[in-house]
Amino acid sequence: MKLAAPTRNLALELVRVTEAAALAAGRFMGRGDKEAADAAASESQYAETAEPGPDETYLAEEEKRLLDQNKEQVAKGTEVDEQKRT
C-alpha cells in the first residue's frame, strides 16, 4: 500500500496552534485570572485545529458534540464522567 504525501507540515501546524493559544491567554495573564486564560487558550486551540481535512470531518464533529455535552453537564453542576467519553 502506497502512502499519500502529507499535505501539511505538522510541525508548523503545531507552532501555529501554540502561538494562537499563547496570544489568546496573554490577554488574561496580567489580570491574574488563570481560569479565563486557560479557557481562552483552550478555545483558541480548538478553533485553530477545527479546520479538518476531508477524512477528519466526522472526528471533529464528534469532538465538538462531546465538548458541548461536557459544557452542559458543567453548567448543570453535574460531574463529567470521563469513562463514558472513551
N, C-alpha and C. Protein backbone atom coordinates (compact mmCIF):
# COMPACT_ATOMS: atom_id res chain seq x y z
N MET A 1 0.84 -1.17 0.00
CA MET A 1 0.00 0.00 0.00
C MET A 1 0.89 1.24 0.00
N LYS A 2 0.63 2.13 -0.92
CA LYS A 2 1.42 3.36 -1.04
C LYS A 2 0.80 4.47 -0.20
N LEU A 3 1.63 5.13 0.59
CA LEU A 3 1.14 6.23 1.42
C LEU A 3 1.13 7.52 0.63
N ALA A 4 0.10 8.32 0.87
CA ALA A 4 0.00 9.61 0.20
C ALA A 4 0.96 10.61 0.84
N ALA A 5 1.45 11.52 0.06
CA ALA A 5 2.34 12.55 0.58
C ALA A 5 1.55 13.48 1.50
N PRO A 6 2.16 13.89 2.60
CA PRO A 6 1.44 14.79 3.51
C PRO A 6 1.12 16.11 2.83
N THR A 7 -0.06 16.63 3.14
CA THR A 7 -0.46 17.90 2.54
C THR A 7 -0.12 19.08 3.43
N ARG A 8 0.17 18.80 4.71
CA ARG A 8 0.51 19.87 5.64
C ARG A 8 1.76 19.48 6.43
N ASN A 9 2.49 20.49 6.85
CA ASN A 9 3.64 20.27 7.71
C ASN A 9 3.14 20.30 9.15
N LEU A 10 3.12 19.14 9.81
CA LEU A 10 2.55 19.03 11.14
C LEU A 10 3.27 19.90 12.15
N ALA A 11 4.59 20.01 12.05
CA ALA A 11 5.35 20.83 12.99
C ALA A 11 4.92 22.30 12.90
N LEU A 12 4.74 22.80 11.69
CA LEU A 12 4.30 24.19 11.54
C LEU A 12 2.87 24.38 12.03
N GLU A 13 2.03 23.38 11.84
CA GLU A 13 0.67 23.46 12.34
C GLU A 13 0.66 23.55 13.87
N LEU A 14 1.50 22.76 14.53
CA LEU A 14 1.57 22.79 15.99
C LEU A 14 2.10 24.13 16.49
N VAL A 15 3.07 24.70 15.78
CA VAL A 15 3.59 26.02 16.16
C VAL A 15 2.49 27.06 16.03
N ARG A 16 1.73 27.00 14.96
CA ARG A 16 0.64 27.96 14.72
C ARG A 16 -0.42 27.86 15.82
N VAL A 17 -0.78 26.64 16.19
CA VAL A 17 -1.79 26.44 17.24
C VAL A 17 -1.28 26.93 18.58
N THR A 18 -0.02 26.64 18.90
CA THR A 18 0.57 27.07 20.16
C THR A 18 0.65 28.59 20.24
N GLU A 19 1.03 29.21 19.14
CA GLU A 19 1.12 30.67 19.11
C GLU A 19 -0.25 31.31 19.32
N ALA A 20 -1.26 30.77 18.68
CA ALA A 20 -2.61 31.32 18.84
C ALA A 20 -3.09 31.18 20.28
N ALA A 21 -2.79 30.05 20.91
CA ALA A 21 -3.20 29.84 22.30
C ALA A 21 -2.47 30.81 23.23
N ALA A 22 -1.19 31.02 22.99
CA ALA A 22 -0.42 31.94 23.82
C ALA A 22 -0.94 33.37 23.69
N LEU A 23 -1.27 33.77 22.48
CA LEU A 23 -1.79 35.12 22.27
C LEU A 23 -3.16 35.29 22.94
N ALA A 24 -3.99 34.28 22.86
CA ALA A 24 -5.31 34.36 23.48
C ALA A 24 -5.21 34.40 25.00
N ALA A 25 -4.33 33.58 25.56
CA ALA A 25 -4.18 33.53 27.02
C ALA A 25 -3.47 34.78 27.55
N GLY A 26 -2.62 35.37 26.74
CA GLY A 26 -1.86 36.54 27.16
C GLY A 26 -2.73 37.72 27.56
N ARG A 27 -3.91 37.79 27.00
CA ARG A 27 -4.82 38.88 27.34
C ARG A 27 -5.27 38.83 28.80
N PHE A 28 -5.23 37.64 29.38
CA PHE A 28 -5.72 37.46 30.75
C PHE A 28 -4.60 37.27 31.77
N MET A 29 -3.38 37.08 31.31
CA MET A 29 -2.28 36.76 32.22
C MET A 29 -2.00 37.89 33.22
N GLY A 30 -2.00 39.12 32.77
CA GLY A 30 -1.69 40.24 33.64
C GLY A 30 -2.78 40.54 34.64
N ARG A 31 -3.95 40.01 34.43
CA ARG A 31 -5.09 40.26 35.31
C ARG A 31 -5.16 39.26 36.45
N GLY A 32 -4.34 38.21 36.40
CA GLY A 32 -4.36 37.20 37.44
C GLY A 32 -5.54 36.25 37.35
N ASP A 33 -6.17 36.18 36.19
CA ASP A 33 -7.33 35.32 36.01
C ASP A 33 -6.91 34.05 35.27
N LYS A 34 -6.42 33.07 36.04
CA LYS A 34 -5.91 31.84 35.46
C LYS A 34 -7.00 31.07 34.72
N GLU A 35 -8.19 31.04 35.29
CA GLU A 35 -9.30 30.30 34.67
C GLU A 35 -9.64 30.87 33.29
N ALA A 36 -9.70 32.18 33.19
CA ALA A 36 -10.02 32.81 31.91
C ALA A 36 -8.89 32.59 30.91
N ALA A 37 -7.65 32.63 31.38
CA ALA A 37 -6.51 32.40 30.50
C ALA A 37 -6.52 30.98 29.96
N ASP A 38 -6.80 30.02 30.83
CA ASP A 38 -6.88 28.62 30.40
C ASP A 38 -8.01 28.42 29.40
N ALA A 39 -9.16 29.03 29.69
CA ALA A 39 -10.31 28.89 28.79
C ALA A 39 -10.02 29.51 27.43
N ALA A 40 -9.41 30.68 27.43
CA ALA A 40 -9.10 31.35 26.17
C ALA A 40 -8.10 30.53 25.35
N ALA A 41 -7.10 29.98 26.02
CA ALA A 41 -6.11 29.17 25.32
C ALA A 41 -6.75 27.91 24.74
N SER A 42 -7.59 27.25 25.52
CA SER A 42 -8.26 26.03 25.06
C SER A 42 -9.18 26.31 23.88
N GLU A 43 -9.97 27.36 23.99
CA GLU A 43 -10.88 27.71 22.89
C GLU A 43 -10.12 28.08 21.63
N SER A 44 -9.00 28.77 21.81
CA SER A 44 -8.18 29.15 20.66
C SER A 44 -7.58 27.92 19.99
N GLN A 45 -7.08 26.99 20.80
CA GLN A 45 -6.52 25.77 20.24
C GLN A 45 -7.58 24.99 19.48
N TYR A 46 -8.76 24.90 20.06
CA TYR A 46 -9.84 24.18 19.39
C TYR A 46 -10.20 24.85 18.07
N ALA A 47 -10.30 26.17 18.10
CA ALA A 47 -10.65 26.91 16.88
C ALA A 47 -9.60 26.73 15.78
N GLU A 48 -8.33 26.72 16.18
CA GLU A 48 -7.25 26.58 15.19
C GLU A 48 -7.19 25.18 14.61
N THR A 49 -7.57 24.19 15.39
CA THR A 49 -7.49 22.81 14.90
C THR A 49 -8.83 22.32 14.36
N ALA A 50 -9.84 23.17 14.37
CA ALA A 50 -11.17 22.76 13.93
C ALA A 50 -11.35 22.85 12.42
N GLU A 51 -10.28 23.04 11.69
CA GLU A 51 -10.35 23.05 10.23
C GLU A 51 -9.94 21.68 9.72
N PRO A 52 -10.86 20.73 9.74
CA PRO A 52 -10.48 19.36 9.40
C PRO A 52 -10.29 19.14 7.91
N GLY A 53 -9.48 18.16 7.60
CA GLY A 53 -9.36 17.70 6.23
C GLY A 53 -10.56 16.82 5.92
N PRO A 54 -10.67 16.33 4.72
CA PRO A 54 -11.83 15.54 4.33
C PRO A 54 -12.03 14.29 5.21
N ASP A 55 -10.95 13.66 5.65
CA ASP A 55 -11.06 12.44 6.45
C ASP A 55 -11.31 12.75 7.92
N GLU A 56 -11.12 13.99 8.32
CA GLU A 56 -11.22 14.34 9.73
C GLU A 56 -12.56 14.98 10.10
N THR A 57 -13.43 15.18 9.15
CA THR A 57 -14.68 15.90 9.41
C THR A 57 -15.52 15.20 10.47
N TYR A 58 -15.69 13.91 10.36
CA TYR A 58 -16.51 13.19 11.33
C TYR A 58 -15.93 13.29 12.73
N LEU A 59 -14.62 13.13 12.87
CA LEU A 59 -13.99 13.19 14.19
C LEU A 59 -14.14 14.57 14.82
N ALA A 60 -14.01 15.61 14.04
CA ALA A 60 -14.16 16.97 14.57
C ALA A 60 -15.59 17.20 15.04
N GLU A 61 -16.57 16.72 14.31
CA GLU A 61 -17.96 16.88 14.71
C GLU A 61 -18.25 16.11 16.01
N GLU A 62 -17.70 14.92 16.13
CA GLU A 62 -17.89 14.12 17.34
C GLU A 62 -17.22 14.79 18.54
N GLU A 63 -16.03 15.34 18.34
CA GLU A 63 -15.34 16.05 19.41
C GLU A 63 -16.14 17.27 19.86
N LYS A 64 -16.69 18.00 18.92
CA LYS A 64 -17.50 19.18 19.27
C LYS A 64 -18.74 18.76 20.03
N ARG A 65 -19.37 17.67 19.62
CA ARG A 65 -20.55 17.18 20.33
C ARG A 65 -20.21 16.83 21.78
N LEU A 66 -19.08 16.16 21.99
CA LEU A 66 -18.66 15.80 23.34
C LEU A 66 -18.32 17.04 24.16
N LEU A 67 -17.68 18.01 23.53
CA LEU A 67 -17.36 19.25 24.23
C LEU A 67 -18.63 19.96 24.67
N ASP A 68 -19.61 20.06 23.78
CA ASP A 68 -20.88 20.71 24.12
C ASP A 68 -21.59 19.95 25.23
N GLN A 69 -21.54 18.63 25.17
CA GLN A 69 -22.18 17.81 26.20
C GLN A 69 -21.51 18.06 27.56
N ASN A 70 -20.19 18.14 27.59
CA ASN A 70 -19.48 18.40 28.83
C ASN A 70 -19.81 19.79 29.38
N LYS A 71 -19.91 20.79 28.50
CA LYS A 71 -20.25 22.14 28.94
C LYS A 71 -21.63 22.18 29.57
N GLU A 72 -22.58 21.42 28.98
CA GLU A 72 -23.94 21.37 29.53
C GLU A 72 -23.93 20.72 30.91
N GLN A 73 -23.15 19.65 31.08
CA GLN A 73 -23.08 18.98 32.37
C GLN A 73 -22.46 19.88 33.43
N VAL A 74 -21.43 20.61 33.05
CA VAL A 74 -20.78 21.53 33.99
C VAL A 74 -21.75 22.64 34.37
N ALA A 75 -22.50 23.15 33.39
CA ALA A 75 -23.46 24.22 33.67
C ALA A 75 -24.57 23.74 34.62
N LYS A 76 -24.94 22.47 34.51
CA LYS A 76 -25.97 21.92 35.40
C LYS A 76 -25.40 21.58 36.77
N GLY A 77 -24.07 21.55 36.88
CA GLY A 77 -23.45 21.21 38.15
C GLY A 77 -23.24 19.73 38.33
N THR A 78 -23.42 18.95 37.26
CA THR A 78 -23.19 17.52 37.36
C THR A 78 -21.75 17.22 37.00
N GLU A 79 -21.26 16.13 37.54
CA GLU A 79 -19.88 15.74 37.30
C GLU A 79 -19.75 15.11 35.91
N VAL A 80 -18.71 15.45 35.20
CA VAL A 80 -18.46 14.89 33.88
C VAL A 80 -17.84 13.52 34.05
N ASP A 81 -18.46 12.52 33.44
CA ASP A 81 -17.97 11.15 33.56
C ASP A 81 -16.98 10.89 32.44
N GLU A 82 -15.70 10.86 32.78
CA GLU A 82 -14.65 10.66 31.78
C GLU A 82 -14.69 9.26 31.18
N GLN A 83 -15.21 8.28 31.92
CA GLN A 83 -15.25 6.91 31.42
C GLN A 83 -16.19 6.78 30.22
N LYS A 84 -17.26 7.56 30.20
CA LYS A 84 -18.21 7.47 29.09
C LYS A 84 -17.66 8.06 27.82
N ARG A 85 -16.64 8.92 27.92
CA ARG A 85 -16.10 9.58 26.74
C ARG A 85 -15.23 8.66 25.91
N THR A 86 -14.69 7.61 26.52
CA THR A 86 -13.78 6.74 25.78
C THR A 86 -14.45 5.50 25.30
